[in-house]
Protein backbone atom coordinates (compact mmCIF):
# COMPACT_ATOMS: atom_id res chain seq x y z
CA MET A 1 -6.16 -9.94 37.38
CA THR A 2 -7.14 -10.47 33.74
CA LYS A 3 -9.23 -13.33 32.48
CA THR A 4 -6.41 -15.75 31.70
CA HIS A 5 -8.41 -18.86 32.67
CA ASP A 6 -11.48 -20.57 31.26
CA PRO A 7 -14.79 -19.96 33.08
CA ILE A 8 -15.73 -22.20 35.98
CA VAL A 9 -19.23 -23.67 36.24
CA PHE A 10 -20.41 -25.35 39.43
CA ALA A 11 -23.72 -26.79 40.61
CA VAL A 12 -25.18 -26.63 44.12
CA PRO A 13 -28.08 -29.01 44.87
CA GLY A 14 -30.37 -27.86 47.66
CA ASP A 15 -30.57 -29.69 50.99
CA LEU A 16 -31.52 -33.29 50.13
CA HIS A 17 -32.86 -34.46 53.54
CA LEU A 18 -32.62 -38.06 52.32
CA THR A 19 -34.37 -40.76 54.35
CA GLU A 20 -35.27 -43.65 52.02
CA PRO A 21 -35.52 -44.43 48.29
CA GLY A 22 -38.76 -43.91 46.45
CA LEU A 23 -39.75 -40.59 48.02
CA GLU A 24 -40.06 -37.33 46.10
CA ASN A 25 -36.74 -35.89 47.29
CA TYR A 26 -34.97 -39.09 46.21
CA ARG A 27 -36.60 -38.85 42.78
CA VAL A 28 -35.57 -35.21 42.41
CA ALA A 29 -32.03 -36.08 43.46
CA GLN A 30 -31.88 -38.71 40.72
CA TRP A 31 -33.21 -36.16 38.20
CA MET A 32 -30.56 -33.68 39.37
CA VAL A 33 -27.75 -36.19 38.82
CA GLU A 34 -29.05 -36.98 35.32
CA GLU A 35 -29.19 -33.29 34.37
CA LEU A 36 -25.77 -32.50 35.74
CA ASN A 37 -24.20 -35.48 33.96
CA ASN A 38 -25.85 -34.92 30.59
CA LEU A 39 -26.77 -31.24 30.33
CA ILE A 40 -24.75 -28.95 32.61
CA ARG A 41 -21.51 -30.98 32.93
CA PRO A 42 -20.15 -28.69 35.66
CA ASP A 43 -16.54 -28.44 36.77
CA PHE A 44 -17.67 -29.62 40.20
CA VAL A 45 -20.76 -30.15 42.37
CA GLN A 46 -21.06 -28.79 45.91
CA PHE A 47 -23.60 -30.44 48.22
CA ILE A 48 -24.58 -27.70 50.63
CA GLY A 49 -25.45 -29.69 53.79
CA ASP A 50 -28.47 -31.44 55.31
CA ASN A 51 -27.67 -34.19 52.87
CA VAL A 52 -29.55 -36.67 55.09
CA GLN A 53 -32.34 -36.22 57.61
CA ASP A 54 -31.25 -38.12 60.72
CA ALA A 55 -27.54 -38.96 60.20
CA THR A 56 -28.18 -42.73 60.23
CA GLU A 57 -25.90 -45.24 58.58
CA GLY A 58 -28.61 -46.20 56.09
CA GLN A 59 -29.28 -42.60 55.10
CA PHE A 60 -25.58 -41.93 54.55
CA ARG A 61 -25.47 -45.00 52.29
CA ILE A 62 -28.36 -43.60 50.22
CA PHE A 63 -26.51 -40.30 49.89
CA ASN A 64 -23.38 -42.18 48.80
CA GLU A 65 -25.38 -43.97 46.11
CA ILE A 66 -26.67 -40.64 44.80
CA ARG A 67 -23.39 -38.74 44.77
CA GLU A 68 -21.36 -41.62 43.35
CA GLN A 69 -23.44 -41.43 40.16
CA LEU A 70 -22.03 -37.98 39.42
CA ARG A 71 -19.35 -37.76 36.75
CA ALA A 72 -18.03 -34.44 38.05
CA PRO A 73 -15.87 -34.01 41.16
CA HIS A 74 -18.04 -33.27 44.16
CA TYR A 75 -17.83 -32.11 47.77
CA ALA A 76 -20.20 -32.14 50.73
CA LEU A 77 -20.81 -29.71 53.59
CA VAL A 78 -22.08 -30.50 57.07
CA GLY A 79 -25.63 -29.41 57.85
CA ASP A 80 -27.46 -29.59 61.17
CA HIS A 81 -29.31 -32.74 60.08
CA ASP A 82 -26.02 -34.43 59.10
CA ILE A 83 -24.88 -34.35 62.75
CA LYS A 84 -28.11 -35.27 64.53
CA ASP A 85 -27.05 -36.94 67.82
CA ASP A 86 -23.47 -36.73 66.52
CA PRO A 87 -22.14 -33.22 67.25
CA GLU A 88 -18.55 -34.22 66.41
CA ALA A 89 -19.66 -35.26 62.89
CA ASN A 90 -17.99 -38.64 63.19
CA GLY A 91 -20.49 -40.30 60.85
CA PHE A 92 -20.02 -37.57 58.27
CA ARG A 93 -16.22 -37.92 58.42
CA GLU A 94 -16.44 -41.69 58.12
CA HIS A 95 -18.46 -41.49 54.91
CA PHE A 96 -17.05 -38.36 53.28
CA ALA A 97 -14.13 -36.25 54.45
CA GLU A 98 -13.13 -33.52 56.87
CA THR A 99 -15.85 -30.99 57.62
CA TYR A 100 -14.06 -28.00 56.07
CA GLY A 101 -11.44 -27.48 53.37
CA SER A 102 -10.62 -25.67 50.16
CA THR A 103 -9.91 -26.30 46.49
CA SER A 104 -8.05 -24.08 44.02
CA LEU A 105 -9.15 -24.08 40.39
CA ARG A 106 -8.29 -21.75 37.51
CA GLY A 107 -7.60 -18.61 39.51
CA PHE A 108 -10.26 -19.19 42.19
CA ARG A 109 -10.09 -20.62 45.68
CA PHE A 110 -13.31 -22.35 46.76
CA VAL A 111 -13.49 -22.45 50.57
CA ARG A 112 -15.81 -24.85 52.40
CA LEU A 113 -16.72 -23.91 55.99
CA ASN A 114 -18.32 -25.98 58.73
CA THR A 115 -20.79 -23.61 60.41
CA GLN A 116 -22.15 -26.43 62.58
CA GLN A 117 -19.33 -26.68 65.11
CA ALA A 118 -21.65 -25.10 67.69
CA LYS A 119 -25.42 -24.89 68.03
CA PRO A 120 -27.32 -23.31 66.39
CA VAL A 121 -24.39 -22.02 64.34
CA GLY A 122 -20.73 -21.39 65.05
CA LEU A 123 -17.07 -22.00 64.23
CA ASN A 124 -14.32 -23.00 66.64
CA SER A 125 -11.14 -20.92 66.96
CA SER A 126 -9.08 -23.39 64.91
CA GLN A 127 -11.41 -23.10 61.94
CA VAL A 128 -11.54 -19.30 62.24
CA ASP A 129 -7.74 -19.18 62.15
CA TRP A 130 -7.72 -21.57 59.19
CA PHE A 131 -10.29 -19.43 57.34
CA ARG A 132 -8.20 -16.30 57.87
CA HIS A 133 -5.09 -18.11 56.63
CA GLU A 134 -6.92 -19.43 53.53
CA LEU A 135 -7.96 -15.92 52.53
CA ASP A 136 -4.46 -14.58 53.08
CA ALA A 137 -3.01 -17.42 51.01
CA ALA A 138 -5.55 -16.79 48.23
CA ALA A 139 -4.60 -13.10 48.15
CA SER A 140 -0.90 -14.02 47.97
CA SER A 141 -1.66 -16.37 45.06
CA ASP A 142 -3.82 -13.74 43.29
CA GLU A 143 -6.85 -16.02 43.58
CA ARG A 144 -10.41 -14.83 43.87
CA VAL A 145 -12.45 -16.46 46.65
CA LEU A 146 -15.89 -18.04 46.82
CA VAL A 147 -17.16 -19.50 50.11
CA PHE A 148 -19.59 -22.37 50.60
CA GLN A 149 -21.27 -22.80 53.99
CA HIS A 150 -24.48 -24.44 55.15
CA ASN A 151 -25.96 -21.60 57.18
CA TYR A 152 -27.30 -18.53 55.37
CA PRO A 153 -26.50 -15.34 57.34
CA TYR A 154 -29.74 -13.60 56.35
CA GLN A 155 -32.33 -16.32 56.91
CA ILE A 156 -35.59 -14.81 58.10
CA TRP A 157 -36.46 -15.50 61.77
CA GLU A 158 -33.08 -17.03 62.60
CA ASP A 159 -30.08 -15.47 64.35
CA PHE A 160 -26.71 -15.91 62.69
CA SER A 161 -24.77 -15.77 65.96
CA GLY A 162 -22.69 -18.10 68.04
CA PRO A 163 -19.06 -18.92 68.80
CA GLY A 164 -16.70 -17.56 66.15
CA ILE A 165 -19.36 -15.63 64.23
CA ASP A 166 -18.09 -12.19 65.31
CA GLU A 167 -14.65 -13.22 64.07
CA TRP A 168 -16.21 -14.57 60.86
CA ARG A 169 -17.89 -11.18 60.29
CA ALA A 170 -14.65 -9.30 60.94
CA ILE A 171 -12.84 -11.45 58.37
CA ILE A 172 -15.42 -11.12 55.59
CA GLN A 173 -15.67 -7.35 56.03
CA THR A 174 -11.93 -6.90 55.53
CA GLN A 175 -11.34 -9.45 52.75
CA ARG A 176 -12.68 -9.49 49.20
CA ILE A 177 -14.94 -12.51 48.68
CA ASN A 178 -16.76 -12.93 45.37
CA ALA A 179 -19.77 -14.70 46.86
CA PHE A 180 -21.12 -16.93 49.62
CA VAL A 181 -23.30 -19.87 48.59
CA CYS A 182 -25.45 -21.42 51.31
CA GLY A 183 -28.31 -23.81 52.02
CA HIS A 184 -30.41 -24.40 55.15
CA THR A 185 -33.16 -21.91 54.35
CA HIS A 186 -35.35 -24.25 52.24
CA TYR A 187 -36.12 -21.19 50.02
CA TRP A 188 -34.16 -19.59 47.17
CA GLN A 189 -32.77 -16.08 47.64
CA VAL A 190 -29.94 -13.86 46.40
CA ALA A 191 -28.81 -11.00 48.65
CA ASN A 192 -26.27 -8.18 48.49
CA ASP A 193 -25.26 -6.45 51.74
CA GLY A 194 -23.37 -3.67 49.99
CA ARG A 195 -20.07 -5.54 50.10
CA ASN A 196 -20.66 -9.27 49.61
CA VAL A 197 -23.10 -11.42 47.62
CA TYR A 198 -25.01 -14.28 49.28
CA VAL A 199 -26.96 -17.06 47.56
CA ALA A 200 -29.28 -19.49 49.35
CA THR A 201 -30.34 -22.41 47.16
CA ARG A 202 -33.80 -23.95 47.62
CA SER A 203 -33.99 -27.35 49.32
CA ILE A 204 -34.70 -30.55 47.43
CA GLY A 205 -36.21 -32.03 50.59
CA ASP A 206 -39.13 -29.92 51.90
CA PRO A 207 -38.69 -27.05 49.40
CA GLU A 208 -40.29 -23.71 50.16
CA GLY A 209 -41.35 -20.95 47.78
CA GLY A 210 -41.29 -23.08 44.64
CA PRO A 211 -40.29 -26.46 43.18
CA PRO A 212 -37.05 -28.18 44.20
CA GLY A 213 -33.92 -28.06 42.08
CA TYR A 214 -30.33 -26.88 42.05
CA CYS A 215 -28.32 -23.70 41.65
CA ILE A 216 -25.86 -23.14 38.80
CA GLY A 217 -22.95 -20.80 39.42
CA TYR A 218 -20.59 -19.26 36.86
CA VAL A 219 -17.37 -17.38 37.64
CA HIS A 220 -14.79 -15.93 35.25
CA GLY A 221 -12.51 -13.14 36.35
CA GLU A 222 -14.81 -10.46 37.74
CA ASP A 223 -17.88 -12.06 36.13
CA LEU A 224 -20.29 -13.74 38.54
CA ALA A 225 -23.67 -15.20 37.61
CA PHE A 226 -26.23 -17.56 39.15
CA THR A 227 -29.46 -19.19 38.07
CA TYR A 228 -31.84 -21.77 39.51
CA ARG A 229 -33.00 -24.86 37.63
CA SER A 230 -36.10 -26.55 39.03
CA VAL A 231 -37.44 -30.04 38.46
CA GLN A 232 -40.31 -28.47 36.51
CA ASP A 233 -38.03 -26.76 33.99
CA VAL A 234 -37.58 -28.26 30.55
CA GLY A 235 -35.56 -27.16 27.55
CA PRO A 236 -32.39 -25.09 27.63
CA VAL A 237 -30.78 -23.21 30.50
CA VAL A 238 -29.95 -19.56 29.73
CA LEU A 239 -27.52 -17.54 31.84
CA ILE A 240 -26.37 -13.98 31.11
CA THR A 241 -22.76 -13.98 32.33
CA HIS A 242 -21.86 -10.40 31.34
CA PRO A 243 -22.73 -7.66 32.13
CA CYS A 244 -23.20 -8.32 35.82
CA ASP A 245 -26.71 -8.54 37.24
CA LEU A 246 -27.14 -5.42 39.35
CA LEU A 247 -28.06 -7.51 42.41
CA LEU A 248 -24.64 -9.20 42.18
CA ALA A 249 -22.68 -5.98 41.62
CA THR A 250 -20.52 -5.03 44.59
CA ARG A 251 -17.65 -3.06 43.05
CA PRO A 252 -16.86 -0.70 40.13
CA SER A 253 -15.57 -3.57 37.98
CA HIS A 254 -19.14 -4.95 37.94
CA ILE A 255 -20.64 -2.01 36.05
CA VAL A 256 -20.49 -0.99 32.38
CA MET A 257 -18.20 1.98 31.69
CA GLY A 258 -18.20 2.09 27.88
CA CYS A 259 -18.21 -0.21 24.85
CA ASP A 260 -18.47 -3.76 26.17
CA THR A 261 -19.63 -7.26 25.23
CA ILE A 262 -22.80 -9.17 26.13
CA ARG A 263 -21.99 -12.78 27.00
CA VAL A 264 -24.50 -15.59 27.46
CA ARG A 265 -23.97 -19.26 28.35
CA ILE A 266 -26.56 -21.73 27.05
CA TRP A 267 -26.90 -25.37 28.04
CA ALA A 268 -29.15 -27.26 25.61
CA ASN A 269 -29.74 -30.79 24.40
CA GLU A 270 -31.71 -29.28 21.53
CA SER A 271 -30.42 -27.29 18.55
CA VAL A 272 -30.41 -23.54 19.12
CA VAL A 273 -32.46 -22.00 16.32
CA ASP A 274 -32.09 -18.35 17.30
CA ILE A 275 -30.86 -16.19 20.15
CA ARG A 276 -31.65 -12.49 20.35
CA GLY A 277 -31.14 -9.74 22.88
CA SER A 278 -32.70 -6.37 23.59
CA ILE A 279 -31.81 -3.46 25.87
CA ASP A 280 -34.57 -1.41 27.48
CA ASN A 281 -37.17 -2.86 25.07
CA SER A 282 -35.31 -1.53 22.03
CA LEU A 283 -35.10 -3.38 18.70
CA SER A 284 -33.72 -6.87 19.18
CA PHE A 285 -30.29 -7.90 17.91
CA PRO A 286 -28.73 -11.34 17.28
CA LEU A 287 -26.01 -13.00 19.33
CA ILE A 288 -23.39 -15.18 17.67
CA SER A 289 -21.86 -18.42 18.89
CA VAL A 290 -18.22 -18.45 19.96
CA GLY A 291 -18.22 -22.12 20.96
CA ASN A 292 -18.60 -24.08 24.20
CA GLY A 293 -22.19 -22.88 24.63
CA ASP A 294 -21.15 -19.21 24.75
CA TRP A 295 -22.85 -16.51 22.68
CA VAL A 296 -21.87 -12.85 22.36
CA ALA A 297 -23.02 -9.49 21.00
CA PRO A 298 -21.71 -5.92 21.26
CA LEU A 299 -22.88 -3.89 24.25
CA PRO A 300 -22.94 -0.17 23.27
CA GLY A 301 -22.33 1.11 26.78
CA ASP A 302 -21.00 4.39 25.41
CA GLN A 303 -24.44 5.09 23.96
CA LEU A 304 -26.43 4.33 27.10
CA GLU A 305 -27.39 6.90 29.69
CA LYS A 306 -25.85 6.74 33.15
CA GLY A 307 -27.97 4.56 35.42
CA GLU A 308 -29.88 1.30 35.42
CA HIS A 309 -30.79 -0.59 32.24
CA THR A 310 -32.54 -3.86 31.38
CA LEU A 311 -31.05 -6.62 29.21
CA ARG A 312 -33.31 -9.41 27.95
CA VAL A 313 -32.08 -12.49 26.07
CA GLU A 314 -34.45 -14.92 24.37
CA VAL A 315 -33.42 -18.34 23.06
CA ALA A 316 -35.38 -20.42 20.55
CA VAL A 317 -34.63 -24.15 20.24
CA SER A 318 -35.75 -26.78 17.77
CA THR A 319 -38.26 -28.40 20.13
CA GLY A 320 -40.05 -25.11 20.78
CA GLU A 321 -39.19 -25.09 24.50
CA ASN A 322 -37.86 -21.54 24.33
CA LYS A 323 -36.35 -19.71 27.28
CA ARG A 324 -35.34 -16.19 28.24
CA GLN A 325 -33.49 -14.38 30.98
CA GLU A 326 -33.65 -10.74 31.99
CA ILE A 327 -31.30 -8.76 34.21
CA GLN A 328 -30.76 -5.16 35.26
CA PHE A 329 -27.27 -3.71 34.89
CA MET A 330 -25.63 -0.38 35.73
CA VAL A 331 -23.85 2.07 33.42
CA ASP A 332 -21.51 4.87 34.55
CA ALA A 333 -18.66 6.06 32.35
CA THR A 334 -16.77 7.37 35.38
CA GLY A 335 -16.64 3.90 36.97
CA ARG A 336 -18.01 5.17 40.26
CA TYR A 337 -20.30 2.71 42.00
CA THR A 338 -21.53 1.95 45.51
CA ALA A 339 -23.68 -1.14 45.96
CA VAL A 340 -27.14 -0.72 47.48
CA PRO A 341 -28.14 -3.60 49.81
CA ASP A 342 -31.02 -5.65 48.39
CA ALA A 343 -32.41 -9.18 48.21
CA ARG A 344 -34.50 -11.11 45.68
CA PRO A 345 -37.07 -12.47 46.21
CA ARG A 346 -38.28 -10.83 49.41
CA VAL A 347 -38.96 -13.50 52.02
CA MET A 348 -41.05 -12.49 55.05
CA ARG A 349 -41.86 -15.88 56.56
CA THR A 350 -40.68 -19.46 56.58
CA GLU A 351 -41.96 -22.74 57.97
CA PHE A 352 -38.51 -24.08 58.80
CA CYS A 353 -37.12 -22.06 61.69
């Protein structure tokens, strides 16, 4: 499928664990809403679960107050804290919607799973059948698929097993899914199992491994990119959207096979003074604006040796709060590529399971 649609940008706040106003996680949630409304302006926002701490009526009302400030469409997943003492998720349904569903947008189908139908994680047979049908329907409609679910399959010190999980694994190993975006871990990590990409966004409530914030996702045809924006970050957001970060590359279409184009998306409230790129620490080159926050430059893939290369992009803005991003990408003129399983950052311990 060619890129006949505009890119899609979505935001995924980490687990909020809301209890009462005035606490740090409430403040960060308010900051997140302000940034999404006035800086990122995503196509939609996906709350990833554990939106509240104890599933009380008052906590759900606080979450409603937060999410209703968003200008973008938004959806919510069920986390284990959202069904405390309420395994049927009746309170969640009363305040939000059904616990799983899907949305089609510009050539993508975004599937939302409820992985909390059994403890500690699981899906009932009806949802498994629905999931299989959704992927078949997406394939028939020539839609790419991205899945949101609360539980991260590769969380350290936690088994991803339970009713329906074997069936879930069989489905995702036989269907093409662009990425899974998850919560629950409290830490930020991106993983590649050799076939699928998994992203775990850091919690806003009780964050681990760094400051709280939200994940930004970008999809456009075969292009897939993610970055993390923390409450401590100021200035612009810089995201290299093409070529594909090697950690996100799962198929030959994700590698550079010849002359190509560097693409970068910038979100900034300041004026962009300069944006320059460099490959493997070579002389820098300018990127030019093509509108809508997108900047481009030629990528001389035909002049690069087969193998791994580094692309760095640096952005200067009028306030001096400059930013940069660096990725590794793969070049092979033959188009042959087999993904090597990896994860970043390495996480060897956690306080939350």
